[in-house]
């Protein structure tokens, strides 16, 4: 096992918990994908096509 810079409570030398880093990464990803959904036409169509596949794959067939 490699030595981590986090202590037994998950806090590094600057006082930041490792979950704060994970929350920051998740927030950045969410902001970027939201921006791309509304601004980038290709990404918008990509997401809409994914929703269509999920909708028609048996998860939500509306009684069909």
PDB file of N, CA and C in Angstrom:
ATOM      1  N   UNK A   1       0.839  -1.182   0.000  1.00  0.00           N
ATOM      2  CA  UNK A   1       0.000   0.000   0.000  1.00  0.00           C
ATOM      3  C   UNK A   1       0.883   1.244   0.000  1.00  0.00           C
ATOM      4  N   UNK A   2       0.465   2.224  -0.763  1.00  0.00           N
ATOM      5  CA  UNK A   2       1.221   3.472  -0.780  1.00  0.00           C
ATOM      6  C   UNK A   2       0.768   4.353   0.393  1.00  0.00           C
ATOM      7  N   UNK A   3       1.661   5.216   0.803  1.00  0.00           N
ATOM      8  CA  UNK A   3       1.344   6.105   1.913  1.00  0.00           C
ATOM      9  C   UNK A   3       0.491   7.269   1.410  1.00  0.00           C
ATOM     10  N   UNK A   4      -0.586   7.536   2.088  1.00  0.00           N
ATOM     11  CA  UNK A   4      -1.491   8.620   1.723  1.00  0.00           C
ATOM     12  C   UNK A   4      -1.139   9.869   2.516  1.00  0.00           C
ATOM     13  N   UNK A   5      -1.501  11.017   1.974  1.00  0.00           N
ATOM     14  CA  UNK A   5      -1.266  12.276   2.680  1.00  0.00           C
ATOM     15  C   UNK A   5      -2.447  12.652   3.560  1.00  0.00           C
ATOM     16  N   UNK A   6      -3.408  11.752   3.693  1.00  0.00           N
ATOM     17  CA  UNK A   6      -4.552  11.981   4.559  1.00  0.00           C
ATOM     18  C   UNK A   6      -4.342  11.242   5.871  1.00  0.00           C
ATOM     19  N   UNK A   7      -4.823  11.840   6.960  1.00  0.00           N
ATOM     20  CA  UNK A   7      -4.701  11.162   8.251  1.00  0.00           C
ATOM     21  C   UNK A   7      -5.823  10.138   8.419  1.00  0.00           C
ATOM     22  N   UNK A   8      -5.919   9.552   9.590  1.00  0.00           N
ATOM     23  CA  UNK A   8      -6.916   8.499   9.812  1.00  0.00           C
ATOM     24  C   UNK A   8      -8.349   9.011   9.719  1.00  0.00           C
ATOM     25  N   UNK A   9      -8.550  10.310   9.858  1.00  0.00           N
ATOM     26  CA  UNK A   9      -9.887  10.899   9.742  1.00  0.00           C
ATOM     27  C   UNK A   9     -10.199  11.381   8.325  1.00  0.00           C
ATOM     28  N   UNK A  10      -9.243  11.219   7.397  1.00  0.00           N
ATOM     29  CA  UNK A  10      -9.461  11.633   6.017  1.00  0.00           C
ATOM     30  C   UNK A  10      -9.164  13.084   5.746  1.00  0.00           C
ATOM     31  N   UNK A  11      -8.356  13.713   6.600  1.00  0.00           N
ATOM     32  CA  UNK A  11      -8.045  15.133   6.458  1.00  0.00           C
ATOM     33  C   UNK A  11      -6.583  15.280   6.060  1.00  0.00           C
ATOM     34  N   UNK A  12      -6.306  16.153   5.069  1.00  0.00           N
ATOM     35  CA  UNK A  12      -4.930  16.362   4.646  1.00  0.00           C
ATOM     36  C   UNK A  12      -4.280  17.484   5.436  1.00  0.00           C
ATOM     37  N   UNK A  13      -3.062  17.854   5.047  1.00  0.00           N
ATOM     38  CA  UNK A  13      -2.300  18.848   5.820  1.00  0.00           C
ATOM     39  C   UNK A  13      -2.920  20.242   5.794  1.00  0.00           C
ATOM     40  N   UNK A  14      -3.720  20.551   4.769  1.00  0.00           N
ATOM     41  CA  UNK A  14      -4.355  21.873   4.710  1.00  0.00           C
ATOM     42  C   UNK A  14      -5.703  21.905   5.428  1.00  0.00           C
ATOM     43  N   UNK A  15      -6.130  20.772   5.969  1.00  0.00           N
ATOM     44  CA  UNK A  15      -7.378  20.724   6.718  1.00  0.00           C
ATOM     45  C   UNK A  15      -8.592  20.398   5.880  1.00  0.00           C
ATOM     46  N   UNK A  16      -8.378  19.891   4.667  1.00  0.00           N
ATOM     47  CA  UNK A  16      -9.469  19.566   3.766  1.00  0.00           C
ATOM     48  C   UNK A  16      -9.738  18.067   3.794  1.00  0.00           C
ATOM     49  N   UNK A  17     -10.997  17.697   3.968  1.00  0.00           N
ATOM     50  CA  UNK A  17     -11.393  16.294   3.981  1.00  0.00           C
ATOM     51  C   UNK A  17     -11.420  15.784   2.545  1.00  0.00           C
ATOM     52  N   UNK A  18     -11.164  14.499   2.351  1.00  0.00           N
ATOM     53  CA  UNK A  18     -11.123  13.954   0.994  1.00  0.00           C
ATOM     54  C   UNK A  18     -12.478  14.029   0.302  1.00  0.00           C
ATOM     55  N   UNK A  19     -13.576  14.015   1.058  1.00  0.00           N
ATOM     56  CA  UNK A  19     -14.891  14.141   0.436  1.00  0.00           C
ATOM     57  C   UNK A  19     -15.131  15.542  -0.121  1.00  0.00           C
ATOM     58  N   UNK A  20     -14.437  16.542   0.425  1.00  0.00           N
ATOM     59  CA  UNK A  20     -14.553  17.884  -0.134  1.00  0.00           C
ATOM     60  C   UNK A  20     -13.952  17.930  -1.535  1.00  0.00           C
ATOM     61  N   UNK A  21     -12.856  17.204  -1.732  1.00  0.00           N
ATOM     62  CA  UNK A  21     -12.282  17.115  -3.072  1.00  0.00           C
ATOM     63  C   UNK A  21     -13.234  16.399  -4.024  1.00  0.00           C
ATOM     64  N   UNK A  22     -13.857  15.324  -3.560  1.00  0.00           N
ATOM     65  CA  UNK A  22     -14.802  14.591  -4.394  1.00  0.00           C
ATOM     66  C   UNK A  22     -16.020  15.463  -4.728  1.00  0.00           C
ATOM     67  N   UNK A  23     -16.508  16.226  -3.756  1.00  0.00           N
ATOM     68  CA  UNK A  23     -17.655  17.105  -3.989  1.00  0.00           C
ATOM     69  C   UNK A  23     -17.305  18.202  -4.998  1.00  0.00           C
ATOM     70  N   UNK A  24     -16.098  18.729  -4.911  1.00  0.00           N
ATOM     71  CA  UNK A  24     -15.660  19.748  -5.866  1.00  0.00           C
ATOM     72  C   UNK A  24     -15.597  19.175  -7.278  1.00  0.00           C
ATOM     73  N   UNK A  25     -15.041  17.981  -7.427  1.00  0.00           N
ATOM     74  CA  UNK A  25     -14.950  17.352  -8.742  1.00  0.00           C
ATOM     75  C   UNK A  25     -16.339  17.064  -9.304  1.00  0.00           C
ATOM     76  N   UNK A  26     -17.247  16.565  -8.468  1.00  0.00           N
ATOM     77  CA  UNK A  26     -18.611  16.292  -8.907  1.00  0.00           C
ATOM     78  C   UNK A  26     -19.322  17.583  -9.316  1.00  0.00           C
ATOM     79  N   UNK A  27     -19.145  18.650  -8.540  1.00  0.00           N
ATOM     80  CA  UNK A  27     -19.780  19.931  -8.863  1.00  0.00           C
ATOM     81  C   UNK A  27     -19.254  20.495 -10.179  1.00  0.00           C
ATOM     82  N   UNK A  28     -17.953  20.406 -10.393  1.00  0.00           N
ATOM     83  CA  UNK A  28     -17.372  20.891 -11.642  1.00  0.00           C
ATOM     84  C   UNK A  28     -17.920  20.107 -12.829  1.00  0.00           C
ATOM     85  N   UNK A  29     -18.023  18.786 -12.678  1.00  0.00           N
ATOM     86  CA  UNK A  29     -18.581  17.956 -13.746  1.00  0.00           C
ATOM     87  C   UNK A  29     -20.042  18.320 -14.011  1.00  0.00           C
ATOM     88  N   UNK A  30     -20.829  18.523 -12.968  1.00  0.00           N
ATOM     89  CA  UNK A  30     -22.242  18.871 -13.126  1.00  0.00           C
ATOM     90  C   UNK A  30     -22.410  20.228 -13.805  1.00  0.00           C
ATOM     91  N   UNK A  31     -21.596  21.195 -13.424  1.00  0.00           N
ATOM     92  CA  UNK A  31     -21.681  22.523 -14.046  1.00  0.00           C
ATOM     93  C   UNK A  31     -21.311  22.445 -15.518  1.00  0.00           C
ATOM     94  N   UNK A  32     -20.236  21.708 -15.828  1.00  0.00           N
ATOM     95  CA  UNK A  32     -19.810  21.596 -17.226  1.00  0.00           C
ATOM     96  C   UNK A  32     -20.865  20.890 -18.077  1.00  0.00           C
ATOM     97  N   UNK A  33     -21.424  19.789 -17.588  1.00  0.00           N
ATOM     98  CA  UNK A  33     -22.415  19.068 -18.390  1.00  0.00           C
ATOM     99  C   UNK A  33     -23.704  19.870 -18.549  1.00  0.00           C
ATOM    100  N   UNK A  34     -24.085  20.632 -17.537  1.00  0.00           N
ATOM    101  CA  UNK A  34     -25.266  21.495 -17.665  1.00  0.00           C
ATOM    102  C   UNK A  34     -25.018  22.574 -18.704  1.00  0.00           C
ATOM    103  N   UNK A  35     -23.839  23.190 -18.654  1.00  0.00           N
ATOM    104  CA  UNK A  35     -23.487  24.200 -19.645  1.00  0.00           C
ATOM    105  C   UNK A  35     -23.506  23.591 -21.047  1.00  0.00           C
ATOM    106  N   UNK A  36     -22.887  22.426 -21.197  1.00  0.00           N
ATOM    107  CA  UNK A  36     -22.806  21.788 -22.512  1.00  0.00           C
ATOM    108  C   UNK A  36     -24.196  21.396 -23.018  1.00  0.00           C
ATOM    109  N   UNK A  37     -25.075  20.972 -22.132  1.00  0.00           N
ATOM    110  CA  UNK A  37     -26.422  20.577 -22.549  1.00  0.00           C
ATOM    111  C   UNK A  37     -27.173  21.747 -23.177  1.00  0.00           C
ATOM    112  N   UNK A  38     -27.021  22.931 -22.605  1.00  0.00           N
ATOM    113  CA  UNK A  38     -27.767  24.090 -23.104  1.00  0.00           C
ATOM    114  C   UNK A  38     -27.042  24.864 -24.195  1.00  0.00           C
ATOM    115  N   UNK A  39     -25.732  24.746 -24.307  1.00  0.00           N
ATOM    116  CA  UNK A  39     -24.974  25.541 -25.271  1.00  0.00           C
ATOM    117  C   UNK A  39     -24.552  24.743 -26.494  1.00  0.00           C
ATOM    118  N   UNK A  40     -24.075  23.524 -26.292  1.00  0.00           N
ATOM    119  CA  UNK A  40     -23.532  22.727 -27.385  1.00  0.00           C
ATOM    120  C   UNK A  40     -24.627  21.865 -28.014  1.00  0.00           C
ATOM    121  N   UNK A  41     -24.917  22.103 -29.282  1.00  0.00           N
ATOM    122  CA  UNK A  41     -25.999  21.408 -29.976  1.00  0.00           C
ATOM    123  C   UNK A  41     -25.738  19.909 -30.077  1.00  0.00           C
ATOM    124  N   UNK A  42     -24.512  19.516 -30.380  1.00  0.00           N
ATOM    125  CA  UNK A  42     -24.188  18.090 -30.524  1.00  0.00           C
ATOM    126  C   UNK A  42     -24.337  17.356 -29.197  1.00  0.00           C
ATOM    127  N   UNK A  43     -23.878  17.974 -28.120  1.00  0.00           N
ATOM    128  CA  UNK A  43     -24.000  17.335 -26.810  1.00  0.00           C
ATOM    129  C   UNK A  43     -25.469  17.226 -26.401  1.00  0.00           C
ATOM    130  N   UNK A  44     -26.243  18.252 -26.696  1.00  0.00           N
ATOM    131  CA  UNK A  44     -27.675  18.227 -26.392  1.00  0.00           C
ATOM    132  C   UNK A  44     -28.346  17.046 -27.106  1.00  0.00           C
ATOM    133  N   UNK A  45     -28.060  16.882 -28.388  1.00  0.00           N
ATOM    134  CA  UNK A  45     -28.648  15.764 -29.131  1.00  0.00           C
ATOM    135  C   UNK A  45     -28.150  14.430 -28.600  1.00  0.00           C
ATOM    136  N   UNK A  46     -26.898  14.351 -28.188  1.00  0.00           N
ATOM    137  CA  UNK A  46     -26.342  13.132 -27.611  1.00  0.00           C
ATOM    138  C   UNK A  46     -27.110  12.734 -26.346  1.00  0.00           C
ATOM    139  N   UNK A  47     -27.364  13.694 -25.471  1.00  0.00           N
ATOM    140  CA  UNK A  47     -28.092  13.418 -24.228  1.00  0.00           C
ATOM    141  C   UNK A  47     -29.538  13.045 -24.522  1.00  0.00           C
ATOM    142  N   UNK A  48     -30.168  13.739 -25.440  1.00  0.00           N
ATOM    143  CA  UNK A  48     -31.552  13.427 -25.800  1.00  0.00           C
ATOM    144  C   UNK A  48     -31.645  12.017 -26.375  1.00  0.00           C
ATOM    145  N   UNK A  49     -30.678  11.614 -27.195  1.00  0.00           N
ATOM    146  CA  UNK A  49     -30.685  10.253 -27.742  1.00  0.00           C
ATOM    147  C   UNK A  49     -30.488   9.218 -26.650  1.00  0.00           C
ATOM    148  N   UNK A  50     -29.663   9.497 -25.678  1.00  0.00           N
ATOM    149  CA  UNK A  50     -29.488   8.577 -24.547  1.00  0.00           C
ATOM    150  C   UNK A  50     -30.803   8.438 -23.786  1.00  0.00           C
ATOM    151  N   UNK A  51     -31.493   9.556 -23.542  1.00  0.00           N
ATOM    152  CA  UNK A  51     -32.784   9.490 -22.854  1.00  0.00           C
ATOM    153  C   UNK A  51     -33.802   8.686 -23.656  1.00  0.00           C
ATOM    154  N   UNK A  52     -33.782   8.797 -24.982  1.00  0.00           N
ATOM    155  CA  UNK A  52     -34.703   8.016 -25.818  1.00  0.00           C
ATOM    156  C   UNK A  52     -34.408   6.530 -25.707  1.00  0.00           C
ATOM    157  N   UNK A  53     -33.136   6.160 -25.703  1.00  0.00           N
ATOM    158  CA  UNK A  53     -32.762   4.746 -25.579  1.00  0.00           C
ATOM    159  C   UNK A  53     -33.204   4.205 -24.226  1.00  0.00           C
ATOM    160  N   UNK A  54     -32.972   4.962 -23.173  1.00  0.00           N
ATOM    161  CA  UNK A  54     -33.379   4.524 -21.835  1.00  0.00           C
ATOM    162  C   UNK A  54     -34.899   4.434 -21.746  1.00  0.00           C
ATOM    163  N   UNK A  55     -35.592   5.383 -22.351  1.00  0.00           N
ATOM    164  CA  UNK A  55     -37.048   5.406 -22.289  1.00  0.00           C
ATOM    165  C   UNK A  55     -37.660   4.212 -23.025  1.00  0.00           C
ATOM    166  N   UNK A  56     -37.046   3.763 -24.087  1.00  0.00           N
ATOM    167  CA  UNK A  56     -37.596   2.679 -24.895  1.00  0.00           C
ATOM    168  C   UNK A  56     -36.975   1.321 -24.580  1.00  0.00           C
ATOM    169  N   UNK A  57     -36.137   1.237 -23.574  1.00  0.00           N
ATOM    170  CA  UNK A  57     -35.448  -0.016 -23.313  1.00  0.00           C
ATOM    171  C   UNK A  57     -36.128  -0.854 -22.238  1.00  0.00           C
ATOM    172  N   UNK A  58     -37.306  -0.491 -21.800  1.00  0.00           N
ATOM    173  CA  UNK A  58     -38.015  -1.289 -20.822  1.00  0.00           C
ATOM    174  C   UNK A  58     -38.056  -0.663 -19.452  1.00  0.00           C
ATOM    175  N   UNK A  59     -37.277   0.372 -19.205  1.00  0.00           N
ATOM    176  CA  UNK A  59     -37.324   1.043 -17.912  1.00  0.00           C
ATOM    177  C   UNK A  59     -38.611   1.849 -17.764  1.00  0.00           C
ATOM    178  N   UNK A  60     -39.076   2.445 -18.868  1.00  0.00           N
ATOM    179  CA  UNK A  60     -40.276   3.262 -18.828  1.00  0.00           C
ATOM    180  C   UNK A  60     -40.970   3.153 -20.176  1.00  0.00           C
ATOM    181  N   UNK A  61     -41.820   2.157 -20.342  1.00  0.00           N
ATOM    182  CA  UNK A  61     -42.470   1.950 -21.633  1.00  0.00           C
ATOM    183  C   UNK A  61     -43.910   2.439 -21.654  1.00  0.00           C
ATOM    184  N   UNK A  62     -44.386   3.028 -20.591  1.00  0.00           N
ATOM    185  CA  UNK A  62     -45.733   3.582 -20.516  1.00  0.00           C
ATOM    186  C   UNK A  62     -46.804   2.559 -20.894  1.00  0.00           C
ATOM    187  N   UNK A  63     -46.653   1.334 -20.416  1.00  0.00           N
ATOM    188  CA  UNK A  63     -47.650   0.308 -20.645  1.00  0.00           C
ATOM    189  C   UNK A  63     -47.550  -0.411 -21.971  1.00  0.00           C
ATOM    190  N   UNK A  64     -46.522  -0.147 -22.746  1.00  0.00           N
ATOM    191  CA  UNK A  64     -46.364  -0.796 -24.067  1.00  0.00           C
ATOM    192  C   UNK A  64     -45.670  -2.102 -23.880  1.00  0.00           C
TER     193      UNK A  64
END
